Amino acid sequence: MEDQWPSSHTWKNMGHRATHRVQKAHVRIAIATVGFVVVAGTAAGAAWHARHSASGQAARTAASASAEATPNTNPSLGQQTTQSASASATSSANSHNADTLPVPAGVVLRQIDGGADYFAKWPNGFPANPGFVPIGVYPSEASPADLAAEGLNFFTPMRDEAAGTWCPVWSNPNGNDMTGVDAQAGFYAGGDFYQAAGGKAWGSRAAFDVFGDELDGNANNWFDCVPPTITAHRQTGDWGGLSASAFEAAEAASRAADPSRPTYIQTTVTFIDGSRNYLYSLPQKQAICAGADIFSFDVYPLVLRGGHVWDMYDQIQEARKDCQDSRPVMAFTEIDHMDGGSAYPRPAQTSAEVWNAIIAGARGVQYFDQYKVIADASYTGGGRYPAGAMYDAIKTTNAQIAALAPVINAPFADGYVTAKGSMSVMAKYYDGHFYIFAIPHASGSQTVTFTLAGAPGGTISVLNENRTIGAVKGVFTDTFADENTVHIYEIS
């Protein structure tokens, strides 16, 4: 298989190289107020679940349910998680919390992009369940069972290893196939599922159709089993990517070819360009996004941009603006060097990118596994960190997301919190409680003051850290060691 992967990662990054003449400056915004998200995974996380209802738990991913009782500490995040606590919390049958907090005056509850039941529109695809957050990878030779053990619940797209084509397949030698997907509870796949194979329909675990990659940067990046009714739309701009009209026509043809599952598009720096709208105008971007049901992009702020983990926050915010907060947005997180380069993300940076995306409003998580190392627990980043550090960081982060899926999918609580400092924050209101997730939007240590609407007093739980903070008239402070430090608070 090894000789196939250089071509796949070259294909993945053609859009980046094709657009080097386009200026790609980062947007750096210090956010004071947006809202929060929470993470659970320790005894504190289990206690959180013990006080809340079990709505959404039935659709929890197999990754969270199968987590072993292995303590795992990530000092850079200031968190210790015990994955067995997350798993046991998942299976708890809990009664509704009696200590319901009222929504203070001026706080607006706003649904997540597309609404919590967004995926109910299609008979095939991700579950329309508040207990599910998509956590995926591209590309990967690992089996669905191995990926699920690390907390992932989908991959895209599917590759026919025997034929060497990007086509969905029922059987691969490595088990990375639809047979493996169907055998792994709670696991899904994306691909060009427009035609049945061997007279057998792909079924509901074929979660979405994707007809190409980075077509905004290179109009030749179509997948191999896409019907000609879609690939016929090849009109290009002078930079070599699809024109706006061709993009919209291909999306419409995709929906017509398979209305039973959502259409997913994957874009790159020619689309997510710091809101400069060099090659596509804002109305064109909005129309392209409206033509897809799931919007995805890859920019890779550390490895390919020389930027910062908080750039992921800005990029998600930009994509959501392009999509007018109307549908799920996801981005690819970097876990390794690319194109043989020397920049290697550290485990804490990969986790911080994921949480920056979630805090910015992403409805899912994706990892870019160019060198097929995501399921390798012995990988060291070329000797740059201990064996298993990246694997454990990804597994822990995924388990936390799965455990707190109902909160992540709960309404934003706009106007609930302000933060004095260079911070990205998000507030959520779930089951009568408020939750705050905060991560720095700048390098260095910070002591941050938070002010809560309604001026509540009392004790605030800092999840995953076995500590509490006192709030006085709605004000509390906390310290963030660096840009990778994540703190999550429960106000009850």
Protein backbone atom coordinates (compact mmCIF):
# COMPACT_ATOMS: atom_id res chain seq x y z
CA MET A 1 0.00 0.00 0.00
CA GLU A 2 2.86 2.38 0.70
CA ASP A 3 3.38 3.35 -2.92
CA GLN A 4 -0.24 4.50 -3.14
CA TRP A 5 -0.12 7.05 -0.35
CA PRO A 6 2.25 9.63 -1.87
CA SER A 7 -0.20 10.01 -4.73
CA SER A 8 -3.10 10.42 -2.32
CA HIS A 9 -1.40 13.07 -0.22
CA THR A 10 -0.18 14.83 -3.34
CA TRP A 11 -3.78 14.83 -4.56
CA LYS A 12 -4.90 16.16 -1.21
CA ASN A 13 -2.55 19.14 -1.36
CA MET A 14 -2.72 20.03 -5.06
CA GLY A 15 -5.12 22.83 -4.23
CA HIS A 16 -2.58 24.37 -1.86
CA ARG A 17 0.22 24.31 -4.42
CA ALA A 18 -2.05 25.49 -7.20
CA THR A 19 -2.87 28.65 -5.33
CA HIS A 20 0.49 29.79 -3.97
CA ARG A 21 0.16 33.06 -5.81
CA VAL A 22 -2.90 33.91 -3.72
CA GLN A 23 -2.09 35.81 -0.53
CA LYS A 24 -3.23 33.77 2.46
CA ALA A 25 -3.01 35.98 5.54
CA HIS A 26 -4.54 34.78 8.78
CA VAL A 27 -7.32 36.59 10.53
CA ARG A 28 -6.39 37.12 14.18
CA ILE A 29 -9.32 38.20 16.31
CA ALA A 30 -9.41 38.45 20.09
CA ILE A 31 -12.86 37.21 21.04
CA ALA A 32 -14.46 38.44 24.23
CA THR A 33 -17.92 36.90 24.06
CA VAL A 34 -19.36 34.09 22.03
CA GLY A 35 -20.32 31.16 24.26
CA PHE A 36 -18.88 27.89 25.65
CA VAL A 37 -18.67 24.09 25.47
CA VAL A 38 -17.82 21.45 28.07
CA VAL A 39 -15.76 18.33 28.32
CA ALA A 40 -16.09 15.37 30.67
CA GLY A 41 -13.96 12.33 31.23
CA THR A 42 -12.94 11.94 34.86
CA ALA A 43 -14.79 11.27 38.05
CA ALA A 44 -15.90 14.89 37.75
CA GLY A 45 -17.29 14.09 34.32
CA ALA A 46 -19.12 11.07 35.67
CA ALA A 47 -20.61 13.19 38.41
CA TRP A 48 -21.80 15.64 35.77
CA HIS A 49 -23.65 12.89 33.95
CA ALA A 50 -25.07 11.54 37.19
CA ARG A 51 -26.99 14.81 37.59
CA HIS A 52 -28.32 15.04 34.06
CA SER A 53 -30.77 13.28 31.82
CA ALA A 54 -29.77 10.46 29.51
CA SER A 55 -31.22 12.07 26.38
CA GLY A 56 -29.03 11.31 23.39
CA GLN A 57 -27.00 8.64 25.15
CA ALA A 58 -28.43 5.77 23.10
CA ALA A 59 -26.59 7.00 20.03
CA ARG A 60 -23.24 7.40 21.75
CA THR A 61 -20.41 6.14 19.59
CA ALA A 62 -18.79 2.79 20.18
CA ALA A 63 -15.50 4.55 20.84
CA SER A 64 -16.77 6.16 24.01
CA ALA A 65 -18.64 3.06 25.14
CA SER A 66 -15.60 0.82 24.69
CA ALA A 67 -13.07 3.08 26.39
CA GLU A 68 -10.88 1.22 28.87
CA ALA A 69 -10.25 2.16 32.48
CA THR A 70 -6.86 3.74 31.75
CA PRO A 71 -5.98 7.09 33.33
CA ASN A 72 -4.44 9.43 30.76
CA THR A 73 -2.91 12.76 31.62
CA ASN A 74 -2.15 15.58 29.19
CA PRO A 75 -0.26 18.20 31.22
CA SER A 76 -0.38 20.74 28.38
CA LEU A 77 -4.16 20.79 28.60
CA GLY A 78 -4.17 20.85 32.38
CA GLN A 79 -6.61 17.93 32.33
CA GLN A 80 -6.62 14.37 33.59
CA THR A 81 -9.18 12.04 32.08
CA THR A 82 -10.19 8.52 32.99
CA GLN A 83 -11.86 7.04 29.97
CA SER A 84 -13.76 4.45 32.00
CA ALA A 85 -15.56 7.33 33.74
CA SER A 86 -16.66 8.62 30.34
CA ALA A 87 -17.87 5.17 29.34
CA SER A 88 -19.74 4.59 32.57
CA ALA A 89 -21.32 8.03 32.31
CA THR A 90 -22.49 7.12 28.85
CA SER A 91 -24.48 4.16 30.10
CA SER A 92 -26.02 5.92 33.12
CA ALA A 93 -29.80 6.24 33.23
CA ASN A 94 -30.20 9.60 34.88
CA SER A 95 -33.16 11.66 35.98
CA HIS A 96 -33.66 15.27 34.95
CA ASN A 97 -31.68 17.77 36.99
CA ALA A 98 -33.86 19.54 39.53
CA ASP A 99 -31.53 22.55 39.92
CA THR A 100 -32.57 24.31 36.75
CA LEU A 101 -31.02 27.73 36.24
CA PRO A 102 -33.15 30.39 34.60
CA VAL A 103 -31.92 32.11 31.46
CA PRO A 104 -30.91 35.65 32.49
CA ALA A 105 -32.35 38.68 30.75
CA GLY A 106 -30.39 39.55 27.63
CA VAL A 107 -29.12 36.00 27.03
CA VAL A 108 -30.28 34.53 23.73
CA LEU A 109 -30.44 30.78 23.17
CA ARG A 110 -29.46 30.00 19.58
CA GLN A 111 -29.64 26.59 17.90
CA ILE A 112 -26.53 24.98 16.44
CA ASP A 113 -26.04 25.38 12.69
CA GLY A 114 -28.82 23.58 10.86
CA GLY A 115 -30.51 22.56 14.11
CA ALA A 116 -29.95 19.54 16.36
CA ASP A 117 -32.11 17.30 14.12
CA TYR A 118 -30.38 18.38 10.89
CA PHE A 119 -29.54 14.85 9.66
CA ALA A 120 -33.15 13.66 10.00
CA LYS A 121 -33.70 14.97 6.46
CA TRP A 122 -32.09 11.87 4.92
CA PRO A 123 -32.83 8.14 5.31
CA ASN A 124 -29.10 7.42 5.07
CA GLY A 125 -26.39 9.21 7.00
CA PHE A 126 -25.32 10.34 10.43
CA PRO A 127 -27.89 9.91 13.21
CA ALA A 128 -30.09 12.92 13.97
CA ASN A 129 -29.36 12.50 17.64
CA PRO A 130 -27.97 15.06 20.12
CA GLY A 131 -25.73 12.34 21.52
CA PHE A 132 -23.65 12.12 18.31
CA VAL A 133 -20.83 14.36 17.09
CA PRO A 134 -19.07 13.25 13.87
CA ILE A 135 -15.36 12.50 14.48
CA GLY A 136 -13.61 11.43 11.29
CA VAL A 137 -10.34 10.87 9.46
CA TYR A 138 -9.00 11.11 5.92
CA PRO A 139 -7.22 9.13 4.56
CA SER A 140 -6.60 6.01 6.59
CA GLU A 141 -5.73 2.38 6.04
CA ALA A 142 -6.82 1.48 9.56
CA SER A 143 -9.91 -0.67 10.01
CA PRO A 144 -13.12 0.80 11.41
CA ALA A 145 -12.57 -1.29 14.55
CA ASP A 146 -9.12 0.23 15.15
CA LEU A 147 -10.39 3.75 14.44
CA ALA A 148 -13.39 3.28 16.74
CA ALA A 149 -11.06 2.16 19.53
CA GLU A 150 -9.46 5.61 19.27
CA GLY A 151 -12.80 7.36 19.42
CA LEU A 152 -13.43 8.02 15.73
CA ASN A 153 -16.81 7.26 14.17
CA PHE A 154 -16.33 7.82 10.42
CA PHE A 155 -13.80 8.04 7.61
CA THR A 156 -13.86 9.58 4.15
CA PRO A 157 -13.48 8.85 1.33
CA MET A 158 -13.24 5.13 0.70
CA ARG A 159 -10.47 3.73 -1.50
CA ASP A 160 -10.51 0.51 -3.51
CA GLU A 161 -7.02 -0.72 -2.68
CA ALA A 162 -7.00 -3.52 -5.24
CA ALA A 163 -7.98 -1.22 -8.11
CA GLY A 164 -6.06 1.79 -6.80
CA THR A 165 -9.08 4.05 -7.21
CA TRP A 166 -11.04 6.37 -4.96
CA CYS A 167 -14.23 4.33 -4.99
CA PRO A 168 -16.31 2.77 -2.23
CA VAL A 169 -15.76 -0.95 -1.87
CA TRP A 170 -17.24 -3.80 0.15
CA SER A 171 -13.92 -5.55 0.77
CA ASN A 172 -10.33 -4.42 1.17
CA PRO A 173 -7.41 -6.55 2.43
CA ASN A 174 -6.89 -4.17 5.36
CA GLY A 175 -10.54 -4.17 6.42
CA ASN A 176 -10.97 -0.51 5.54
CA ASP A 177 -14.24 -1.14 3.69
CA MET A 178 -18.02 -1.04 3.96
CA THR A 179 -18.15 -4.56 5.38
CA GLY A 180 -15.99 -3.32 8.24
CA VAL A 181 -18.09 -0.19 8.61
CA ASP A 182 -21.31 -2.17 8.91
CA ALA A 183 -19.69 -4.54 11.42
CA GLN A 184 -18.58 -1.70 13.71
CA ALA A 185 -21.46 -0.30 15.76
CA GLY A 186 -21.88 3.45 15.40
CA PHE A 187 -19.35 3.80 12.57
CA TYR A 188 -19.95 5.53 9.21
CA ALA A 189 -18.21 6.25 5.92
CA GLY A 190 -18.23 8.97 3.29
CA GLY A 191 -17.57 8.39 -0.39
CA ASP A 192 -18.99 8.49 -3.89
CA PHE A 193 -21.95 6.24 -3.12
CA TYR A 194 -23.93 7.13 -6.23
CA GLN A 195 -24.02 3.59 -7.64
CA ALA A 196 -24.55 0.26 -5.89
CA ALA A 197 -21.73 -2.28 -6.05
CA GLY A 198 -22.33 -5.93 -6.86
CA GLY A 199 -26.06 -5.33 -6.89
CA LYS A 200 -26.00 -4.41 -3.19
CA ALA A 201 -27.10 -1.02 -1.87
CA TRP A 202 -24.64 0.76 0.39
CA GLY A 203 -27.09 1.23 3.24
CA SER A 204 -27.51 3.83 5.97
CA ARG A 205 -23.90 3.71 7.22
CA ALA A 206 -22.83 5.27 3.91
CA ALA A 207 -23.29 8.65 5.54
CA PHE A 208 -22.72 11.16 2.74
CA ASP A 209 -21.70 11.58 -0.89
CA VAL A 210 -18.49 13.40 -1.79
CA PHE A 211 -17.58 13.81 -5.45
CA GLY A 212 -14.13 15.41 -5.21
CA ASP A 213 -11.52 17.08 -3.08
CA GLU A 214 -10.34 20.70 -3.11
CA LEU A 215 -12.07 21.34 -6.40
CA ASP A 216 -11.94 25.02 -5.58
CA GLY A 217 -8.15 24.78 -6.01
CA ASN A 218 -7.87 22.11 -8.73
CA ALA A 219 -10.78 21.23 -11.01
CA ASN A 220 -9.31 17.80 -11.80
CA ASN A 221 -9.65 16.38 -8.29
CA TRP A 222 -12.75 14.29 -8.95
CA PHE A 223 -13.21 10.89 -7.37
CA ASP A 224 -13.13 7.86 -9.64
CA CYS A 225 -16.68 6.51 -9.34
CA VAL A 226 -18.59 9.76 -9.74
CA PRO A 227 -21.28 9.73 -12.47
CA PRO A 228 -20.63 11.84 -15.59
CA THR A 229 -23.75 13.87 -14.80
CA ILE A 230 -21.65 15.41 -12.00
CA THR A 231 -18.14 15.46 -13.50
CA ALA A 232 -19.46 17.11 -16.68
CA HIS A 233 -19.38 20.41 -14.80
CA ARG A 234 -15.71 21.27 -15.34
CA GLN A 235 -15.69 24.97 -16.14
CA THR A 236 -12.68 26.48 -14.40
CA GLY A 237 -11.49 29.85 -13.27
CA ASP A 238 -8.14 31.19 -14.42
CA TRP A 239 -6.49 29.75 -11.27
CA GLY A 240 -7.48 26.19 -12.23
CA GLY A 241 -10.27 25.56 -9.75
CA LEU A 242 -13.95 25.09 -10.50
CA SER A 243 -15.85 28.24 -11.30
CA ALA A 244 -18.66 29.16 -8.94
CA SER A 245 -21.32 28.19 -11.46
CA ALA A 246 -19.67 24.81 -12.14
CA PHE A 247 -19.42 24.12 -8.41
CA GLU A 248 -23.10 24.85 -7.92
CA ALA A 249 -24.07 22.71 -10.93
CA ALA A 250 -22.00 19.76 -9.67
CA GLU A 251 -23.63 20.03 -6.25
CA ALA A 252 -27.11 20.05 -7.78
CA ALA A 253 -26.20 17.01 -9.90
CA SER A 254 -24.93 15.23 -6.79
CA ARG A 255 -28.19 15.78 -4.98
CA ALA A 256 -30.13 14.57 -8.02
CA ALA A 257 -27.94 11.46 -8.38
CA ASP A 258 -28.47 10.43 -4.74
CA PRO A 259 -31.13 12.30 -2.77
CA SER A 260 -31.03 9.66 0.00
CA ARG A 261 -27.93 11.04 1.73
CA PRO A 262 -26.34 14.47 2.23
CA THR A 263 -23.75 15.94 -0.14
CA TYR A 264 -20.39 16.85 1.40
CA ILE A 265 -17.87 19.21 -0.20
CA GLN A 266 -14.23 19.67 0.74
CA THR A 267 -12.51 23.00 0.02
CA THR A 268 -9.14 24.59 0.70
CA VAL A 269 -7.31 27.94 0.80
CA THR A 270 -8.87 29.25 -2.39
CA PHE A 271 -12.19 29.26 -0.53
CA ILE A 272 -11.14 29.82 3.10
CA ASP A 273 -8.95 32.82 2.27
CA GLY A 274 -9.26 35.02 5.34
CA SER A 275 -12.54 36.49 4.02
CA ARG A 276 -10.64 38.30 1.28
CA ASN A 277 -12.83 36.74 -1.44
CA TYR A 278 -10.04 36.76 -4.01
CA LEU A 279 -11.37 34.05 -6.32
CA TYR A 280 -14.97 33.66 -5.16
CA SER A 281 -17.11 36.58 -4.07
CA LEU A 282 -19.00 36.31 -0.79
CA PRO A 283 -22.33 35.74 -2.61
CA GLN A 284 -20.65 32.99 -4.65
CA LYS A 285 -19.28 31.37 -1.50
CA GLN A 286 -22.69 31.52 0.10
CA ALA A 287 -24.30 29.90 -2.95
CA ILE A 288 -21.66 27.13 -3.09
CA CYS A 289 -22.10 26.41 0.59
CA ALA A 290 -25.88 26.38 0.21
CA GLY A 291 -25.49 23.77 -2.53
CA ALA A 292 -23.83 21.35 -0.11
CA ASP A 293 -25.27 19.75 3.00
CA ILE A 294 -21.95 19.39 4.88
CA PHE A 295 -19.16 21.93 4.34
CA SER A 296 -15.57 20.86 5.00
CA PHE A 297 -12.18 22.52 4.49
CA ASP A 298 -8.48 22.08 5.15
CA VAL A 299 -5.98 24.90 5.69
CA TYR A 300 -3.54 23.41 8.28
CA PRO A 301 -2.45 26.51 10.20
CA LEU A 302 0.70 25.05 11.75
CA VAL A 303 2.33 22.83 9.14
CA LEU A 304 1.46 24.61 5.90
CA ARG A 305 0.82 28.13 7.15
CA GLY A 306 3.33 28.71 9.92
CA GLY A 307 0.50 30.00 12.10
CA HIS A 308 -1.10 29.27 15.45
CA VAL A 309 -3.58 26.80 16.92
CA TRP A 310 -6.15 29.59 17.39
CA ASP A 311 -6.18 30.21 13.62
CA MET A 312 -8.49 27.19 13.51
CA TYR A 313 -11.05 29.20 15.47
CA ASP A 314 -10.90 32.04 12.95
CA GLN A 315 -11.16 29.67 9.98
CA ILE A 316 -14.25 27.93 11.38
CA GLN A 317 -15.85 31.30 12.05
CA GLU A 318 -15.11 32.35 8.47
CA ALA A 319 -16.61 29.14 7.05
CA ARG A 320 -19.73 29.51 9.19
CA LYS A 321 -20.17 33.06 7.91
CA ASP A 322 -19.86 31.80 4.33
CA CYS A 323 -22.48 29.16 5.12
CA GLN A 324 -24.65 31.67 7.00
CA ASP A 325 -24.78 29.38 10.06
CA SER A 326 -27.17 27.16 8.12
CA ARG A 327 -25.44 23.75 7.92
CA PRO A 328 -22.68 21.70 9.59
CA VAL A 329 -19.13 22.99 9.10
CA MET A 330 -16.06 20.85 9.79
CA ALA A 331 -12.31 21.28 9.28
CA PHE A 332 -9.33 18.95 9.10
CA THR A 333 -6.92 19.00 12.03
CA GLU A 334 -3.22 18.31 11.41
CA ILE A 335 -1.53 15.45 13.26
CA ASP A 336 1.76 15.10 11.38
CA HIS A 337 4.17 16.80 8.99
CA MET A 338 3.15 17.06 5.34
CA ASP A 339 5.00 16.78 2.04
CA GLY A 340 8.11 15.64 3.90
CA GLY A 341 8.35 18.95 5.78
CA SER A 342 9.98 19.48 9.15
CA ALA A 343 7.02 20.99 11.05
CA TYR A 344 5.42 18.42 13.33
CA PRO A 345 2.37 19.36 15.42
CA ARG A 346 2.74 18.35 19.04
CA PRO A 347 -0.04 16.33 20.71
CA ALA A 348 -1.20 19.31 22.79
CA GLN A 349 -1.41 21.44 19.63
CA THR A 350 -3.53 18.87 17.81
CA SER A 351 -5.95 18.72 20.76
CA ALA A 352 -6.01 22.52 20.98
CA GLU A 353 -6.87 22.81 17.27
CA VAL A 354 -9.79 20.42 17.78
CA TRP A 355 -11.16 22.42 20.68
CA ASN A 356 -10.66 25.71 18.85
CA ALA A 357 -12.85 24.27 16.10
CA ILE A 358 -15.55 23.08 18.52
CA ILE A 359 -15.58 26.39 20.40
CA ALA A 360 -15.89 28.26 17.09
CA GLY A 361 -19.06 26.28 16.31
CA ALA A 362 -17.86 23.32 14.21
CA ARG A 363 -20.36 20.48 14.23
CA GLY A 364 -17.74 17.78 13.76
CA VAL A 365 -14.05 16.96 13.92
CA GLN A 366 -11.74 15.54 11.24
CA TYR A 367 -8.08 14.51 11.29
CA PHE A 368 -5.77 14.48 8.27
CA ASP A 369 -3.76 11.23 8.39
CA GLN A 370 -1.40 11.68 5.43
CA TYR A 371 1.11 9.11 6.62
CA LYS A 372 -1.40 6.60 8.10
CA VAL A 373 -0.22 6.97 11.70
CA ILE A 374 -3.44 7.91 13.49
CA ALA A 375 -4.06 4.39 14.80
CA ASP A 376 -0.37 3.72 15.57
CA ALA A 377 0.05 3.87 19.35
CA SER A 378 3.84 3.65 18.96
CA TYR A 379 4.25 6.70 16.74
CA THR A 380 6.67 9.36 18.05
CA GLY A 381 6.52 12.15 15.46
CA GLY A 382 10.01 11.29 14.29
CA GLY A 383 11.26 11.19 17.90
CA ARG A 384 9.77 14.56 18.83
CA TYR A 385 7.48 13.22 21.58
CA PRO A 386 7.07 9.96 23.52
CA ALA A 387 5.55 6.91 21.89
CA GLY A 388 1.79 6.99 22.17
CA ALA A 389 1.55 10.68 23.07
CA MET A 390 -0.31 11.67 19.88
CA TYR A 391 -2.46 8.56 19.95
CA ASP A 392 -3.44 9.19 23.57
CA ALA A 393 -4.12 12.89 22.97
CA ILE A 394 -6.46 12.09 20.07
CA LYS A 395 -8.17 9.27 21.93
CA THR A 396 -8.70 11.41 25.04
CA THR A 397 -9.99 14.39 23.07
CA ASN A 398 -12.38 12.18 21.10
CA ALA A 399 -13.69 10.53 24.27
CA GLN A 400 -14.34 13.94 25.81
CA ILE A 401 -16.25 15.12 22.75
CA ALA A 402 -18.35 11.95 22.67
CA ALA A 403 -19.15 12.17 26.37
CA LEU A 404 -20.30 15.78 26.10
CA ALA A 405 -22.06 15.47 22.75
CA PRO A 406 -25.45 16.52 24.20
CA VAL A 407 -23.87 19.75 25.46
CA ILE A 408 -22.01 20.42 22.21
CA ASN A 409 -25.28 19.96 20.35
CA ALA A 410 -27.24 22.12 22.81
CA PRO A 411 -28.13 25.76 22.08
CA PHE A 412 -25.51 28.48 22.30
CA ALA A 413 -26.11 30.91 25.15
CA ASP A 414 -25.22 34.18 23.44
CA GLY A 415 -24.51 37.01 25.85
CA TYR A 416 -24.06 34.78 28.89
CA VAL A 417 -20.36 35.45 29.45
CA THR A 418 -17.67 37.99 28.77
CA ALA A 419 -13.96 37.33 29.17
CA LYS A 420 -11.35 39.96 29.91
CA GLY A 421 -8.35 38.70 27.97
CA SER A 422 -7.44 37.38 24.55
CA MET A 423 -9.75 34.37 24.63
CA SER A 424 -12.06 32.30 22.47
CA VAL A 425 -15.07 31.16 24.45
CA MET A 426 -18.40 29.48 23.91
CA ALA A 427 -21.40 29.21 26.23
CA LYS A 428 -23.98 26.42 26.12
CA TYR A 429 -27.24 25.88 27.97
CA TYR A 430 -28.11 22.23 28.54
CA ASP A 431 -30.52 20.57 30.93
CA GLY A 432 -30.90 23.70 33.02
CA HIS A 433 -27.18 24.35 33.45
CA PHE A 434 -24.72 26.67 31.74
CA TYR A 435 -21.35 25.44 30.49
CA ILE A 436 -18.30 27.46 29.58
CA PHE A 437 -15.39 26.32 27.48
CA ALA A 438 -12.45 28.71 27.07
CA ILE A 439 -9.14 28.58 25.20
CA PRO A 440 -6.60 31.38 24.58
CA HIS A 441 -6.48 33.32 21.35
CA ALA A 442 -2.87 34.37 21.94
CA SER A 443 0.44 32.90 23.10
CA GLY A 444 1.68 33.02 26.66
CA SER A 445 0.18 32.74 30.11
CA GLN A 446 -2.98 34.67 30.93
CA THR A 447 -5.08 35.29 34.01
CA VAL A 448 -8.59 35.84 32.72
CA THR A 449 -11.62 37.37 34.39
CA PHE A 450 -15.02 36.00 33.39
CA THR A 451 -18.29 37.81 34.01
CA LEU A 452 -21.57 35.89 33.87
CA ALA A 453 -25.01 37.28 33.10
CA GLY A 454 -27.38 37.22 36.01
CA ALA A 455 -24.50 37.67 38.49
CA PRO A 456 -24.68 34.16 40.00
CA GLY A 457 -22.57 33.41 43.05
CA GLY A 458 -21.27 30.18 44.51
CA THR A 459 -19.02 27.40 43.35
CA ILE A 460 -18.14 26.65 39.72
CA SER A 461 -16.87 23.21 38.79
CA VAL A 462 -13.81 23.01 36.55
CA LEU A 463 -14.41 19.78 34.72
CA ASN A 464 -11.60 17.23 34.32
CA GLU A 465 -9.39 19.07 36.80
CA ASN A 466 -10.87 18.03 40.16
CA ARG A 467 -11.15 21.63 41.37
CA THR A 468 -13.70 24.37 41.84
CA ILE A 469 -13.67 28.17 41.60
CA GLY A 470 -15.72 30.62 43.61
CA ALA A 471 -17.82 33.18 41.77
CA VAL A 472 -18.78 36.47 43.41
CA LYS A 473 -21.67 38.34 41.81
CA GLY A 474 -21.05 36.47 38.58
CA VAL A 475 -17.31 37.17 38.40
CA PHE A 476 -14.48 34.63 38.62
CA THR A 477 -10.88 34.40 37.44
CA ASP A 478 -8.69 31.57 36.19
CA THR A 479 -5.19 31.12 34.77
CA PHE A 480 -4.30 29.68 31.36
CA ALA A 481 -0.71 28.44 31.11
CA ASP A 482 -0.41 28.76 27.34
CA GLU A 483 -2.38 28.73 24.09
CA ASN A 484 -2.99 24.97 24.38
CA THR A 485 -4.67 25.22 27.79
CA VAL A 486 -8.36 24.39 27.83
CA HIS A 487 -10.61 25.03 30.83
CA ILE A 488 -14.21 23.89 30.99
CA TYR A 489 -16.66 25.15 33.58
CA GLU A 490 -20.09 24.09 34.78
CA ILE A 491 -22.35 26.69 36.35
CA SER A 492 -25.13 25.03 38.31
